[in-house]
C-alpha atoms as a PDB file:
ATOM      1  CA  UNK A   1     159.069 142.066  88.538  1.00  0.00           C
ATOM      2  CA  UNK A   2     156.558 141.464  85.731  1.00  0.00           C
ATOM      3  CA  UNK A   3     152.943 142.419  86.343  1.00  0.00           C
ATOM      4  CA  UNK A   4     150.017 140.240  85.367  1.00  0.00           C
ATOM      5  CA  UNK A   5     146.793 141.973  84.445  1.00  0.00           C
ATOM      6  CA  UNK A   6     143.700 140.977  86.442  1.00  0.00           C
ATOM      7  CA  UNK A   7     142.048 139.795  83.206  1.00  0.00           C
ATOM      8  CA  UNK A   8     144.919 137.443  82.346  1.00  0.00           C
ATOM      9  CA  UNK A   9     144.987 136.138  85.897  1.00  0.00           C
ATOM     10  CA  UNK A  10     141.241 135.433  85.741  1.00  0.00           C
ATOM     11  CA  UNK A  11     141.624 133.625  82.397  1.00  0.00           C
ATOM     12  CA  UNK A  12     144.466 131.522  83.815  1.00  0.00           C
ATOM     13  CA  UNK A  13     142.474 130.663  86.949  1.00  0.00           C
ATOM     14  CA  UNK A  14     139.407 129.672  84.916  1.00  0.00           C
ATOM     15  CA  UNK A  15     141.500 127.512  82.593  1.00  0.00           C
ATOM     16  CA  UNK A  16     143.097 125.817  85.589  1.00  0.00           C
ATOM     17  CA  UNK A  17     139.708 125.014  87.090  1.00  0.00           C
ATOM     18  CA  UNK A  18     138.241 123.518  83.933  1.00  0.00           C
ATOM     19  CA  UNK A  19     141.142 121.352  82.841  1.00  0.00           C
ATOM     20  CA  UNK A  20     140.293 117.771  83.688  1.00  0.00           C
ATOM     21  CA  UNK A  21     142.291 114.619  84.246  1.00  0.00           C
ATOM     22  CA  UNK A  22     141.076 111.851  81.927  1.00  0.00           C
ATOM     23  CA  UNK A  23     141.368 109.350  84.775  1.00  0.00           C
ATOM     24  CA  UNK A  24     139.034 111.331  87.035  1.00  0.00           C
ATOM     25  CA  UNK A  25     135.462 110.103  86.501  1.00  0.00           C
ATOM     26  CA  UNK A  26     134.130 113.056  88.486  1.00  0.00           C
ATOM     27  CA  UNK A  27     135.299 115.316  85.632  1.00  0.00           C
ATOM     28  CA  UNK A  28     132.916 113.813  83.126  1.00  0.00           C
ATOM     29  CA  UNK A  29     134.220 110.267  82.862  1.00  0.00           C
ATOM     30  CA  UNK A  30     131.771 107.444  83.090  1.00  0.00           C
ATOM     31  CA  UNK A  31     131.134 104.439  85.232  1.00  0.00           C
ATOM     32  CA  UNK A  32     131.812 102.228  82.209  1.00  0.00           C
ATOM     33  CA  UNK A  33     135.334 103.603  81.710  1.00  0.00           C
ATOM     34  CA  UNK A  34     134.635 105.790  78.658  1.00  0.00           C
ATOM     35  CA  UNK A  35     136.276 109.198  78.905  1.00  0.00           C
ATOM     36  CA  UNK A  36     134.048 112.173  78.242  1.00  0.00           C
ATOM     37  CA  UNK A  37     135.993 114.758  80.224  1.00  0.00           C
ATOM     38  CA  UNK A  38     135.247 118.187  78.871  1.00  0.00           C
ATOM     39  CA  UNK A  39     132.747 116.910  76.321  1.00  0.00           C
ATOM     40  CA  UNK A  40     129.658 118.659  77.643  1.00  0.00           C
ATOM     41  CA  UNK A  41     131.195 120.527  80.557  1.00  0.00           C
ATOM     42  CA  UNK A  42     132.162 123.413  78.275  1.00  0.00           C
ATOM     43  CA  UNK A  43     128.805 123.586  76.463  1.00  0.00           C
ATOM     44  CA  UNK A  44     126.581 126.563  77.167  1.00  0.00           C
ATOM     45  CA  UNK A  45     123.262 127.730  75.852  1.00  0.00           C
ATOM     46  CA  UNK A  46     122.889 131.497  75.735  1.00  0.00           C
ATOM     47  CA  UNK A  47     124.784 131.989  78.982  1.00  0.00           C
ATOM     48  CA  UNK A  48     123.118 129.119  80.820  1.00  0.00           C
ATOM     49  CA  UNK A  49     125.586 126.819  82.553  1.00  0.00           C
ATOM     50  CA  UNK A  50     126.102 123.449  80.946  1.00  0.00           C
ATOM     51  CA  UNK A  51     124.283 120.408  82.235  1.00  0.00           C
ATOM     52  CA  UNK A  52     126.621 118.387  84.483  1.00  0.00           C
ATOM     53  CA  UNK A  53     127.774 114.958  83.371  1.00  0.00           C
ATOM     54  CA  UNK A  54     128.801 113.329  86.625  1.00  0.00           C
ATOM     55  CA  UNK A  55     126.534 111.906  89.325  1.00  0.00           C
ATOM     56  CA  UNK A  56     127.409 114.221  92.216  1.00  0.00           C
ATOM     57  CA  UNK A  57     127.119 117.430  90.206  1.00  0.00           C
ATOM     58  CA  UNK A  58     123.987 116.185  88.436  1.00  0.00           C
ATOM     59  CA  UNK A  59     122.268 115.325  91.715  1.00  0.00           C
ATOM     60  CA  UNK A  60     122.943 118.814  93.092  1.00  0.00           C
ATOM     61  CA  UNK A  61     121.981 120.512  89.802  1.00  0.00           C
ATOM     62  CA  UNK A  62     118.654 118.682  89.691  1.00  0.00           C
ATOM     63  CA  UNK A  63     117.903 119.400  93.350  1.00  0.00           C
ATOM     64  CA  UNK A  64     118.482 123.097  92.578  1.00  0.00           C
ATOM     65  CA  UNK A  65     116.080 122.935  89.591  1.00  0.00           C
ATOM     66  CA  UNK A  66     118.915 123.625  87.132  1.00  0.00           C
ATOM     67  CA  UNK A  67     116.495 122.967  84.289  1.00  0.00           C
ATOM     68  CA  UNK A  68     113.909 125.510  85.464  1.00  0.00           C
ATOM     69  CA  UNK A  69     113.016 127.751  82.569  1.00  0.00           C
ATOM     70  CA  UNK A  70     113.551 125.096  79.893  1.00  0.00           C
ATOM     71  CA  UNK A  71     110.747 124.270  77.456  1.00  0.00           C
ATOM     72  CA  UNK A  72     108.385 121.794  79.100  1.00  0.00           C
ATOM     73  CA  UNK A  73     105.396 119.626  78.467  1.00  0.00           C
ATOM     74  CA  UNK A  74     102.173 121.276  79.601  1.00  0.00           C
ATOM     75  CA  UNK A  75     101.017 118.441  81.856  1.00  0.00           C
ATOM     76  CA  UNK A  76     102.251 115.277  83.527  1.00  0.00           C
ATOM     77  CA  UNK A  77     101.323 112.010  81.828  1.00  0.00           C
ATOM     78  CA  UNK A  78     102.074 108.302  81.821  1.00  0.00           C
ATOM     79  CA  UNK A  79     105.447 107.543  80.246  1.00  0.00           C
ATOM     80  CA  UNK A  80     105.486 105.311  77.195  1.00  0.00           C
ATOM     81  CA  UNK A  81     108.536 103.662  78.781  1.00  0.00           C
ATOM     82  CA  UNK A  82     109.367 102.373  82.253  1.00  0.00           C
ATOM     83  CA  UNK A  83     109.303 105.709  84.081  1.00  0.00           C
ATOM     84  CA  UNK A  84     105.697 105.939  85.364  1.00  0.00           C
ATOM     85  CA  UNK A  85     104.210 109.459  85.495  1.00  0.00           C
ATOM     86  CA  UNK A  86     106.508 112.049  83.937  1.00  0.00           C
ATOM     87  CA  UNK A  87     106.944 115.648  82.873  1.00  0.00           C
ATOM     88  CA  UNK A  88     109.691 116.289  80.280  1.00  0.00           C
ATOM     89  CA  UNK A  89     111.873 119.371  79.750  1.00  0.00           C
ATOM     90  CA  UNK A  90     114.125 120.203  76.752  1.00  0.00           C
ATOM     91  CA  UNK A  91     116.977 122.714  76.790  1.00  0.00           C
ATOM     92  CA  UNK A  92     117.289 125.360  74.065  1.00  0.00           C
ATOM     93  CA  UNK A  93     119.863 123.301  72.136  1.00  0.00           C
ATOM     94  CA  UNK A  94     117.502 120.347  71.835  1.00  0.00           C
ATOM     95  CA  UNK A  95     114.529 122.560  70.916  1.00  0.00           C
ATOM     96  CA  UNK A  96     116.604 124.301  68.218  1.00  0.00           C
ATOM     97  CA  UNK A  97     117.733 120.933  66.885  1.00  0.00           C
ATOM     98  CA  UNK A  98     114.158 119.682  66.569  1.00  0.00           C
ATOM     99  CA  UNK A  99     113.040 123.024  65.077  1.00  0.00           C
ATOM    100  CA  UNK A 100     115.867 122.712  62.538  1.00  0.00           C
ATOM    101  CA  UNK A 101     114.719 119.235  61.514  1.00  0.00           C
ATOM    102  CA  UNK A 102     117.962 117.589  62.608  1.00  0.00           C
ATOM    103  CA  UNK A 103     118.127 113.816  62.791  1.00  0.00           C
ATOM    104  CA  UNK A 104     121.275 113.961  64.944  1.00  0.00           C
ATOM    105  CA  UNK A 105     121.273 116.424  67.848  1.00  0.00           C
ATOM    106  CA  UNK A 106     124.277 118.661  68.618  1.00  0.00           C
ATOM    107  CA  UNK A 107     126.558 118.331  71.625  1.00  0.00           C
ATOM    108  CA  UNK A 108     124.941 120.101  74.581  1.00  0.00           C
ATOM    109  CA  UNK A 109     121.390 118.980  73.760  1.00  0.00           C
ATOM    110  CA  UNK A 110     119.675 117.786  76.919  1.00  0.00           C
ATOM    111  CA  UNK A 111     116.406 116.442  78.259  1.00  0.00           C
ATOM    112  CA  UNK A 112     115.247 116.147  81.864  1.00  0.00           C
ATOM    113  CA  UNK A 113     112.311 113.917  82.688  1.00  0.00           C
ATOM    114  CA  UNK A 114     110.809 114.444  86.135  1.00  0.00           C
ATOM    115  CA  UNK A 115     109.573 111.147  87.553  1.00  0.00           C
ATOM    116  CA  UNK A 116     106.389 111.860  89.477  1.00  0.00           C
ATOM    117  CA  UNK A 117     104.292 110.288  92.208  1.00  0.00           C
ATOM    118  CA  UNK A 118     100.511 110.149  91.775  1.00  0.00           C
ATOM    119  CA  UNK A 119     100.268 113.508  93.581  1.00  0.00           C
ATOM    120  CA  UNK A 120     102.750 115.019  91.061  1.00  0.00           C
ATOM    121  CA  UNK A 121     105.570 115.339  93.593  1.00  0.00           C
ATOM    122  CA  UNK A 122     108.975 114.704  91.985  1.00  0.00           C
ATOM    123  CA  UNK A 123     110.379 111.338  93.099  1.00  0.00           C
ATOM    124  CA  UNK A 124     113.309 111.142  90.667  1.00  0.00           C
ATOM    125  CA  UNK A 125     114.761 112.125  87.309  1.00  0.00           C
ATOM    126  CA  UNK A 126     115.822 110.601  84.023  1.00  0.00           C
ATOM    127  CA  UNK A 127     118.319 112.790  82.186  1.00  0.00           C
ATOM    128  CA  UNK A 128     120.101 112.504  78.854  1.00  0.00           C
ATOM    129  CA  UNK A 129     122.839 114.878  77.661  1.00  0.00           C
ATOM    130  CA  UNK A 130     124.547 114.782  74.255  1.00  0.00           C
ATOM    131  CA  UNK A 131     128.270 114.779  75.055  1.00  0.00           C
ATOM    132  CA  UNK A 132     129.879 113.884  71.723  1.00  0.00           C
ATOM    133  CA  UNK A 133     129.148 114.163  68.024  1.00  0.00           C
ATOM    134  CA  UNK A 134     127.612 111.122  66.393  1.00  0.00           C
ATOM    135  CA  UNK A 135     124.510 109.039  66.686  1.00  0.00           C
ATOM    136  CA  UNK A 136     125.714 106.069  68.709  1.00  0.00           C
ATOM    137  CA  UNK A 137     124.944 105.240  72.347  1.00  0.00           C
ATOM    138  CA  UNK A 138     128.324 106.538  73.541  1.00  0.00           C
ATOM    139  CA  UNK A 139     127.436 110.054  72.365  1.00  0.00           C
ATOM    140  CA  UNK A 140     124.854 110.352  75.161  1.00  0.00           C
ATOM    141  CA  UNK A 141     125.320 110.654  78.930  1.00  0.00           C
ATOM    142  CA  UNK A 142     122.499 109.028  80.905  1.00  0.00           C
ATOM    143  CA  UNK A 143     121.447 109.595  84.513  1.00  0.00           C
ATOM    144  CA  UNK A 144     118.570 107.906  86.364  1.00  0.00           C
ATOM    145  CA  UNK A 145     117.762 108.513  90.029  1.00  0.00           C
ATOM    146  CA  UNK A 146     114.851 107.658  92.278  1.00  0.00           C
ATOM    147  CA  UNK A 147     114.897 109.388  95.644  1.00  0.00           C
ATOM    148  CA  UNK A 148     118.486 109.333  96.901  1.00  0.00           C
ATOM    149  CA  UNK A 149     119.501 106.357  94.749  1.00  0.00           C
ATOM    150  CA  UNK A 150     121.283 106.788  91.410  1.00  0.00           C
ATOM    151  CA  UNK A 151     120.646 103.605  89.441  1.00  0.00           C
ATOM    152  CA  UNK A 152     122.220 104.564  86.102  1.00  0.00           C
ATOM    153  CA  UNK A 153     124.954 107.051  85.273  1.00  0.00           C
ATOM    154  CA  UNK A 154     127.397 107.268  82.385  1.00  0.00           C
ATOM    155  CA  UNK A 155     127.818 107.377  78.624  1.00  0.00           C
ATOM    156  CA  UNK A 156     126.517 104.657  76.327  1.00  0.00           C
ATOM    157  CA  UNK A 157     124.651 102.729  79.001  1.00  0.00           C
ATOM    158  CA  UNK A 158     122.946  99.660  77.554  1.00  0.00           C
ATOM    159  CA  UNK A 159     120.166  99.784  80.139  1.00  0.00           C
ATOM    160  CA  UNK A 160     119.045 103.173  78.819  1.00  0.00           C
ATOM    161  CA  UNK A 161     120.057 102.766  75.213  1.00  0.00           C
ATOM    162  CA  UNK A 162     118.190  99.466  74.923  1.00  0.00           C
ATOM    163  CA  UNK A 163     114.911 101.402  74.807  1.00  0.00           C
ATOM    164  CA  UNK A 164     116.124 104.674  73.343  1.00  0.00           C
ATOM    165  CA  UNK A 165     117.929 103.198  70.322  1.00  0.00           C
ATOM    166  CA  UNK A 166     114.811 101.545  68.918  1.00  0.00           C
ATOM    167  CA  UNK A 167     112.852 104.677  67.991  1.00  0.00           C
ATOM    168  CA  UNK A 168     112.910 108.425  68.341  1.00  0.00           C
ATOM    169  CA  UNK A 169     115.204 111.010  66.819  1.00  0.00           C
ATOM    170  CA  UNK A 170     118.812 110.428  67.874  1.00  0.00           C
ATOM    171  CA  UNK A 171     117.578 108.483  70.915  1.00  0.00           C
ATOM    172  CA  UNK A 172     115.124 111.171  72.093  1.00  0.00           C
ATOM    173  CA  UNK A 173     111.740 109.452  72.437  1.00  0.00           C
ATOM    174  CA  UNK A 174     109.641 112.354  73.712  1.00  0.00           C
ATOM    175  CA  UNK A 175     107.391 113.628  70.900  1.00  0.00           C
ATOM    176  CA  UNK A 176     108.196 117.098  69.600  1.00  0.00           C
ATOM    177  CA  UNK A 177     106.766 119.677  69.709  1.00  0.00           C
ATOM    178  CA  UNK A 178     106.303 119.089  73.406  1.00  0.00           C
ATOM    179  CA  UNK A 179     102.652 118.416  74.215  1.00  0.00           C
END
């Protein structure tokens, strides 16, 4: 009987867990039918787990402060868009992209905007994650939630892109360096 080394078995198990079915929207697909399975799920930033790109995983990740430790604005402020009071966070990939002067951000770049009540308690989140190369709307995954209600989720959403396409650097409107 052939023996399998523990390392090979671990590699096989990990590969089995990360292979996705293109028809399964919980694996990174979108509510608008575009397939992004595996696009950002495999991205990492210096050992930090990738930002999820499906509603259920995103909701849990945000509730667990998955973005804690990212670069952040120093104080909450009124959003220039429709989000009320906000505090914005950038992951290392997005910071490095801005620092490098890029006009198109790399896959894995992400921003989390905490949506805040007047007392600065978090009431929701607006998240964008670069899931594919390019500078079109479909290259970004969008997620918007207030309380327990997810009102936008998927790649290339017109409701999000309508504002984000007009200005900014590759759809990121938050001024950099973060204030």
